[in-house]
Amino acid sequence: MVKHTEEATSTWVTETARKVNAAKGSDYVELDQGLLTVDQIDALLNCLPLELITIDKDDRYVYCNNEIPKDMLLSPRWPEKLGQTLSEVHLKKSMPHVQKIMDYAKTGKTYRLIRPSKDVYMVASFKDMRDKDDNYAGVTEWIVDLLPIINRYLEQTGQKLVPDESKKATEVSSGASTDASSGASKQD
């Protein structure tokens, strides 16, 4: 796990936690299917081998885990940007695409952005979150490099990936239901 320093934590997190008297450390949190301490929840979210980001209902970045070293993050804007809105974090020219992703994710479907290369096969997935009354609560994004999983599978099974000679050469980011300009794929 990567340890972020206190200086890197946004003042928004510190100030908001103090203002709402947020649970911390050994305080227990009652969940739908269990009871965990804040420390256990932190450990759970930080041990996931993926980049995890939460955007609240007001389009504000409110959470990111810290398992992935910052220089390897697909979205390297953490943790200093916590508390900022989408429009504060993203470049103005990218906001139409960001809004398109958010609007699609808010429909209950999963929006996937795929960025393959010879060294990684990054998949960013965006999905809406709902509270117990089915009210929109924000969007969560998780980003994972699937290449180590693919390579392990191939190693274990003795299989190989080979080109389909019956297909013409296509752009790496193209595929079913894909926006070839961005490598985006909309899937349920």
C-alpha atoms as a PDB file:
ATOM      1  CA  MET A   1       0.000   0.000   0.000  1.00  0.00           C
ATOM      2  CA  VAL A   2       1.205   3.486  -0.831  1.00  0.00           C
ATOM      3  CA  LYS A   3       1.190   5.862   2.122  1.00  0.00           C
ATOM      4  CA  HIS A   4       0.088   9.383   1.256  1.00  0.00           C
ATOM      5  CA  THR A   5       1.441  12.085   3.500  1.00  0.00           C
ATOM      6  CA  GLU A   6      -0.730  14.372   5.614  1.00  0.00           C
ATOM      7  CA  GLU A   7       0.535  17.321   3.549  1.00  0.00           C
ATOM      8  CA  ALA A   8      -0.805  15.677   0.386  1.00  0.00           C
ATOM      9  CA  THR A   9      -4.299  15.245   1.827  1.00  0.00           C
ATOM     10  CA  SER A  10      -6.540  18.060   0.695  1.00  0.00           C
ATOM     11  CA  THR A  11      -7.579  20.544   3.347  1.00  0.00           C
ATOM     12  CA  TRP A  12     -11.162  19.870   2.231  1.00  0.00           C
ATOM     13  CA  VAL A  13     -10.931  16.329   3.653  1.00  0.00           C
ATOM     14  CA  THR A  14      -9.500  17.511   6.978  1.00  0.00           C
ATOM     15  CA  GLU A  15     -11.913  20.423   7.366  1.00  0.00           C
ATOM     16  CA  THR A  16     -15.009  18.486   6.303  1.00  0.00           C
ATOM     17  CA  ALA A  17     -14.167  15.523   8.570  1.00  0.00           C
ATOM     18  CA  ARG A  18     -13.818  17.905  11.508  1.00  0.00           C
ATOM     19  CA  LYS A  19     -17.030  19.778  10.600  1.00  0.00           C
ATOM     20  CA  VAL A  20     -19.205  16.636  10.398  1.00  0.00           C
ATOM     21  CA  ASN A  21     -17.434  14.856  13.263  1.00  0.00           C
ATOM     22  CA  ALA A  22     -16.597  11.965  10.913  1.00  0.00           C
ATOM     23  CA  ALA A  23     -16.032   8.487  12.317  1.00  0.00           C
ATOM     24  CA  LYS A  24     -12.378   7.464  12.351  1.00  0.00           C
ATOM     25  CA  GLY A  25      -9.949   4.797  13.443  1.00  0.00           C
ATOM     26  CA  SER A  26     -11.592   2.174  15.639  1.00  0.00           C
ATOM     27  CA  ASP A  27     -15.094   3.687  15.317  1.00  0.00           C
ATOM     28  CA  TYR A  28     -17.513   1.084  13.961  1.00  0.00           C
ATOM     29  CA  VAL A  29     -19.662   1.639  10.865  1.00  0.00           C
ATOM     30  CA  GLU A  30     -22.842  -0.385  10.392  1.00  0.00           C
ATOM     31  CA  LEU A  31     -23.051  -1.594   6.802  1.00  0.00           C
ATOM     32  CA  ASP A  32     -25.814  -3.425   4.904  1.00  0.00           C
ATOM     33  CA  GLN A  33     -24.103  -6.764   5.415  1.00  0.00           C
ATOM     34  CA  GLY A  34     -21.782  -6.288   8.332  1.00  0.00           C
ATOM     35  CA  LEU A  35     -19.981  -4.134  10.823  1.00  0.00           C
ATOM     36  CA  LEU A  36     -16.463  -2.794  10.254  1.00  0.00           C
ATOM     37  CA  THR A  37     -14.236  -0.180  11.826  1.00  0.00           C
ATOM     38  CA  VAL A  38     -13.094   2.793   9.790  1.00  0.00           C
ATOM     39  CA  ASP A  39      -9.565   1.317   9.910  1.00  0.00           C
ATOM     40  CA  GLN A  40     -10.875  -1.981   8.499  1.00  0.00           C
ATOM     41  CA  ILE A  41     -12.774  -0.185   5.724  1.00  0.00           C
ATOM     42  CA  ASP A  42      -9.613   1.780   4.865  1.00  0.00           C
ATOM     43  CA  ALA A  43      -7.541  -1.426   4.801  1.00  0.00           C
ATOM     44  CA  LEU A  44     -10.146  -3.170   2.646  1.00  0.00           C
ATOM     45  CA  LEU A  45     -10.354  -0.376   0.075  1.00  0.00           C
ATOM     46  CA  ASN A  46      -6.587   0.114   0.014  1.00  0.00           C
ATOM     47  CA  CYS A  47      -5.767  -3.551  -0.588  1.00  0.00           C
ATOM     48  CA  LEU A  48      -7.805  -3.709  -3.799  1.00  0.00           C
ATOM     49  CA  PRO A  49      -5.453  -4.031  -6.795  1.00  0.00           C
ATOM     50  CA  LEU A  50      -7.128  -1.187  -8.638  1.00  0.00           C
ATOM     51  CA  GLU A  51      -7.540   2.550  -8.627  1.00  0.00           C
ATOM     52  CA  LEU A  52     -10.841   3.457  -6.954  1.00  0.00           C
ATOM     53  CA  ILE A  53     -12.413   6.922  -7.147  1.00  0.00           C
ATOM     54  CA  THR A  54     -15.740   8.226  -5.824  1.00  0.00           C
ATOM     55  CA  ILE A  55     -17.577  11.303  -7.066  1.00  0.00           C
ATOM     56  CA  ASP A  56     -20.522  12.455  -4.936  1.00  0.00           C
ATOM     57  CA  LYS A  57     -23.977  13.561  -6.117  1.00  0.00           C
ATOM     58  CA  ASP A  58     -22.677  17.136  -6.496  1.00  0.00           C
ATOM     59  CA  ASP A  59     -19.906  15.999  -8.912  1.00  0.00           C
ATOM     60  CA  ARG A  60     -17.218  16.492  -6.250  1.00  0.00           C
ATOM     61  CA  TYR A  61     -14.286  14.101  -5.880  1.00  0.00           C
ATOM     62  CA  VAL A  62     -14.634  12.720  -2.359  1.00  0.00           C
ATOM     63  CA  TYR A  63     -12.556   9.535  -2.227  1.00  0.00           C
ATOM     64  CA  CYS A  64      -9.631   7.719  -3.758  1.00  0.00           C
ATOM     65  CA  ASN A  65      -7.843   4.638  -2.480  1.00  0.00           C
ATOM     66  CA  ASN A  66      -4.066   4.567  -2.220  1.00  0.00           C
ATOM     67  CA  GLU A  67      -2.944   1.139  -3.336  1.00  0.00           C
ATOM     68  CA  ILE A  68      -1.469   2.289  -6.653  1.00  0.00           C
ATOM     69  CA  PRO A  69       1.721   4.400  -6.685  1.00  0.00           C
ATOM     70  CA  LYS A  70       0.882   7.923  -7.882  1.00  0.00           C
ATOM     71  CA  ASP A  71       3.206   7.724 -10.906  1.00  0.00           C
ATOM     72  CA  MET A  72       1.253   4.666 -12.133  1.00  0.00           C
ATOM     73  CA  LEU A  73      -2.243   6.111 -11.715  1.00  0.00           C
ATOM     74  CA  LEU A  74      -4.329   6.514 -14.844  1.00  0.00           C
ATOM     75  CA  SER A  75      -5.972   9.506 -13.124  1.00  0.00           C
ATOM     76  CA  PRO A  76      -2.994  11.030 -11.254  1.00  0.00           C
ATOM     77  CA  ARG A  77      -4.886  13.833  -9.543  1.00  0.00           C
ATOM     78  CA  TRP A  78      -4.966  12.395  -6.041  1.00  0.00           C
ATOM     79  CA  PRO A  79      -5.159  13.008  -3.129  1.00  0.00           C
ATOM     80  CA  GLU A  80      -4.541  16.733  -3.458  1.00  0.00           C
ATOM     81  CA  LYS A  81      -7.670  17.279  -5.565  1.00  0.00           C
ATOM     82  CA  LEU A  82     -10.156  15.689  -3.153  1.00  0.00           C
ATOM     83  CA  GLY A  83     -13.034  18.067  -2.515  1.00  0.00           C
ATOM     84  CA  GLN A  84     -12.795  19.665  -5.945  1.00  0.00           C
ATOM     85  CA  THR A  85     -15.526  19.355  -8.562  1.00  0.00           C
ATOM     86  CA  LEU A  86     -15.154  17.684 -11.933  1.00  0.00           C
ATOM     87  CA  SER A  87     -14.871  21.081 -13.624  1.00  0.00           C
ATOM     88  CA  GLU A  88     -12.098  22.128 -11.221  1.00  0.00           C
ATOM     89  CA  VAL A  89     -10.076  18.967 -11.839  1.00  0.00           C
ATOM     90  CA  HIS A  90     -10.503  18.490 -15.589  1.00  0.00           C
ATOM     91  CA  LEU A  91      -9.404  20.774 -18.392  1.00  0.00           C
ATOM     92  CA  LYS A  92     -12.229  22.871 -19.833  1.00  0.00           C
ATOM     93  CA  LYS A  93     -11.797  21.258 -23.269  1.00  0.00           C
ATOM     94  CA  SER A  94     -12.270  17.747 -21.795  1.00  0.00           C
ATOM     95  CA  MET A  95     -15.429  18.599 -19.835  1.00  0.00           C
ATOM     96  CA  PRO A  96     -17.889  17.683 -22.649  1.00  0.00           C
ATOM     97  CA  HIS A  97     -16.411  14.150 -22.738  1.00  0.00           C
ATOM     98  CA  VAL A  98     -16.344  13.943 -18.917  1.00  0.00           C
ATOM     99  CA  GLN A  99     -19.988  15.059 -18.774  1.00  0.00           C
ATOM    100  CA  LYS A 100     -20.916  12.466 -21.415  1.00  0.00           C
ATOM    101  CA  ILE A 101     -19.370   9.727 -19.252  1.00  0.00           C
ATOM    102  CA  MET A 102     -21.123  11.005 -16.118  1.00  0.00           C
ATOM    103  CA  ASP A 103     -24.494  11.270 -17.875  1.00  0.00           C
ATOM    104  CA  TYR A 104     -24.186   7.719 -19.202  1.00  0.00           C
ATOM    105  CA  ALA A 105     -23.079   6.333 -15.811  1.00  0.00           C
ATOM    106  CA  LYS A 106     -26.052   8.029 -14.140  1.00  0.00           C
ATOM    107  CA  THR A 107     -28.394   5.870 -16.244  1.00  0.00           C
ATOM    108  CA  GLY A 108     -27.404   2.806 -14.207  1.00  0.00           C
ATOM    109  CA  LYS A 109     -25.280   1.369 -16.973  1.00  0.00           C
ATOM    110  CA  THR A 110     -21.509   0.963 -16.829  1.00  0.00           C
ATOM    111  CA  TYR A 111     -19.377   3.157 -19.059  1.00  0.00           C
ATOM    112  CA  ARG A 112     -15.977   1.655 -19.883  1.00  0.00           C
ATOM    113  CA  LEU A 113     -12.961   3.489 -21.195  1.00  0.00           C
ATOM    114  CA  ILE A 114     -10.347   1.067 -22.561  1.00  0.00           C
ATOM    115  CA  ARG A 115      -6.721   2.062 -23.170  1.00  0.00           C
ATOM    116  CA  PRO A 116      -4.701  -0.873 -24.479  1.00  0.00           C
ATOM    117  CA  SER A 117      -0.997  -0.823 -25.256  1.00  0.00           C
ATOM    118  CA  LYS A 118       1.751  -3.424 -25.409  1.00  0.00           C
ATOM    119  CA  ASP A 119       2.551  -2.903 -21.701  1.00  0.00           C
ATOM    120  CA  VAL A 120      -0.903  -2.427 -20.119  1.00  0.00           C
ATOM    121  CA  TYR A 121      -4.572  -3.041 -20.810  1.00  0.00           C
ATOM    122  CA  MET A 122      -6.210  -0.357 -18.683  1.00  0.00           C
ATOM    123  CA  VAL A 123      -9.976  -0.455 -18.232  1.00  0.00           C
ATOM    124  CA  ALA A 124     -11.721   2.421 -16.457  1.00  0.00           C
ATOM    125  CA  SER A 125     -15.331   1.694 -15.502  1.00  0.00           C
ATOM    126  CA  PHE A 126     -17.854   4.284 -14.317  1.00  0.00           C
ATOM    127  CA  LYS A 127     -21.122   3.346 -12.555  1.00  0.00           C
ATOM    128  CA  ASP A 128     -23.736   5.254 -10.596  1.00  0.00           C
ATOM    129  CA  MET A 129     -24.235   4.694  -6.873  1.00  0.00           C
ATOM    130  CA  ARG A 130     -27.702   4.620  -5.309  1.00  0.00           C
ATOM    131  CA  ASP A 131     -28.788   4.985  -1.685  1.00  0.00           C
ATOM    132  CA  LYS A 132     -31.316   2.677   0.005  1.00  0.00           C
ATOM    133  CA  ASP A 133     -34.187   4.755  -1.402  1.00  0.00           C
ATOM    134  CA  ASP A 134     -32.739   4.478  -4.942  1.00  0.00           C
ATOM    135  CA  ASN A 135     -31.712   8.157  -5.008  1.00  0.00           C
ATOM    136  CA  TYR A 136     -28.660   9.055  -7.041  1.00  0.00           C
ATOM    137  CA  ALA A 137     -25.643   9.245  -4.692  1.00  0.00           C
ATOM    138  CA  GLY A 138     -22.759   9.755  -7.123  1.00  0.00           C
ATOM    139  CA  VAL A 139     -20.509   7.801  -9.463  1.00  0.00           C
ATOM    140  CA  THR A 140     -17.727   5.405  -8.653  1.00  0.00           C
ATOM    141  CA  GLU A 141     -14.834   4.804 -11.018  1.00  0.00           C
ATOM    142  CA  TRP A 142     -12.515   1.855 -10.837  1.00  0.00           C
ATOM    143  CA  ILE A 143      -9.470   1.438 -13.021  1.00  0.00           C
ATOM    144  CA  VAL A 144      -7.637  -1.831 -13.449  1.00  0.00           C
ATOM    145  CA  ASP A 145      -4.800  -3.105 -15.624  1.00  0.00           C
ATOM    146  CA  LEU A 146      -6.066  -6.422 -16.997  1.00  0.00           C
ATOM    147  CA  LEU A 147      -2.788  -7.398 -18.704  1.00  0.00           C
ATOM    148  CA  PRO A 148      -1.309  -9.216 -15.665  1.00  0.00           C
ATOM    149  CA  ILE A 149      -4.523 -11.268 -15.388  1.00  0.00           C
ATOM    150  CA  ILE A 150      -4.522 -12.047 -19.109  1.00  0.00           C
ATOM    151  CA  ASN A 151      -0.826 -12.992 -19.034  1.00  0.00           C
ATOM    152  CA  ARG A 152      -1.296 -15.232 -15.976  1.00  0.00           C
ATOM    153  CA  TYR A 153      -4.213 -16.994 -17.657  1.00  0.00           C
ATOM    154  CA  LEU A 154      -2.179 -17.584 -20.809  1.00  0.00           C
ATOM    155  CA  GLU A 155       0.772 -18.862 -18.753  1.00  0.00           C
ATOM    156  CA  GLN A 156      -1.409 -21.253 -16.718  1.00  0.00           C
ATOM    157  CA  THR A 157      -3.335 -22.651 -19.697  1.00  0.00           C
ATOM    158  CA  GLY A 158      -0.493 -22.714 -22.210  1.00  0.00           C
ATOM    159  CA  GLN A 159      -2.619 -20.729 -24.628  1.00  0.00           C
ATOM    160  CA  LYS A 160      -1.465 -17.865 -26.813  1.00  0.00           C
ATOM    161  CA  LEU A 161      -3.106 -14.780 -28.233  1.00  0.00           C
ATOM    162  CA  VAL A 162      -2.748 -14.817 -31.992  1.00  0.00           C
ATOM    163  CA  PRO A 163      -4.038 -12.400 -34.610  1.00  0.00           C
ATOM    164  CA  ASP A 164      -7.186 -13.350 -36.499  1.00  0.00           C
ATOM    165  CA  GLU A 165      -5.884 -13.364 -40.064  1.00  0.00           C
ATOM    166  CA  SER A 166      -9.426 -13.150 -41.457  1.00  0.00           C
ATOM    167  CA  LYS A 167      -9.779  -9.669 -39.996  1.00  0.00           C
ATOM    168  CA  LYS A 168      -8.281  -6.569 -41.520  1.00  0.00           C
ATOM    169  CA  ALA A 169      -5.923  -4.588 -39.323  1.00  0.00           C
ATOM    170  CA  THR A 170      -7.928  -2.275 -37.114  1.00  0.00           C
ATOM    171  CA  GLU A 171      -7.157   0.466 -34.672  1.00  0.00           C
ATOM    172  CA  VAL A 172      -6.176  -0.977 -31.280  1.00  0.00           C
ATOM    173  CA  SER A 173      -8.949   0.905 -29.464  1.00  0.00           C
ATOM    174  CA  SER A 174     -11.738  -0.188 -31.815  1.00  0.00           C
ATOM    175  CA  GLY A 175     -14.277  -2.873 -31.017  1.00  0.00           C
ATOM    176  CA  ALA A 176     -17.952  -3.507 -30.455  1.00  0.00           C
ATOM    177  CA  SER A 177     -19.875  -0.418 -29.315  1.00  0.00           C
ATOM    178  CA  THR A 178     -16.684   1.576 -29.155  1.00  0.00           C
ATOM    179  CA  ASP A 179     -16.082   5.245 -29.729  1.00  0.00           C
ATOM    180  CA  ALA A 180     -12.794   4.790 -31.612  1.00  0.00           C
ATOM    181  CA  SER A 181     -11.626   8.347 -30.948  1.00  0.00           C
ATOM    182  CA  SER A 182     -11.526   7.786 -27.195  1.00  0.00           C
ATOM    183  CA  GLY A 183     -11.384   4.026 -26.810  1.00  0.00           C
ATOM    184  CA  ALA A 184     -14.647   4.265 -24.889  1.00  0.00           C
ATOM    185  CA  SER A 185     -17.067   1.388 -24.685  1.00  0.00           C
ATOM    186  CA  LYS A 186     -20.580   1.601 -23.294  1.00  0.00           C
ATOM    187  CA  GLN A 187     -21.746  -1.615 -21.689  1.00  0.00           C
ATOM    188  CA  ASP A 188     -24.522  -2.656 -19.310  1.00  0.00           C
END
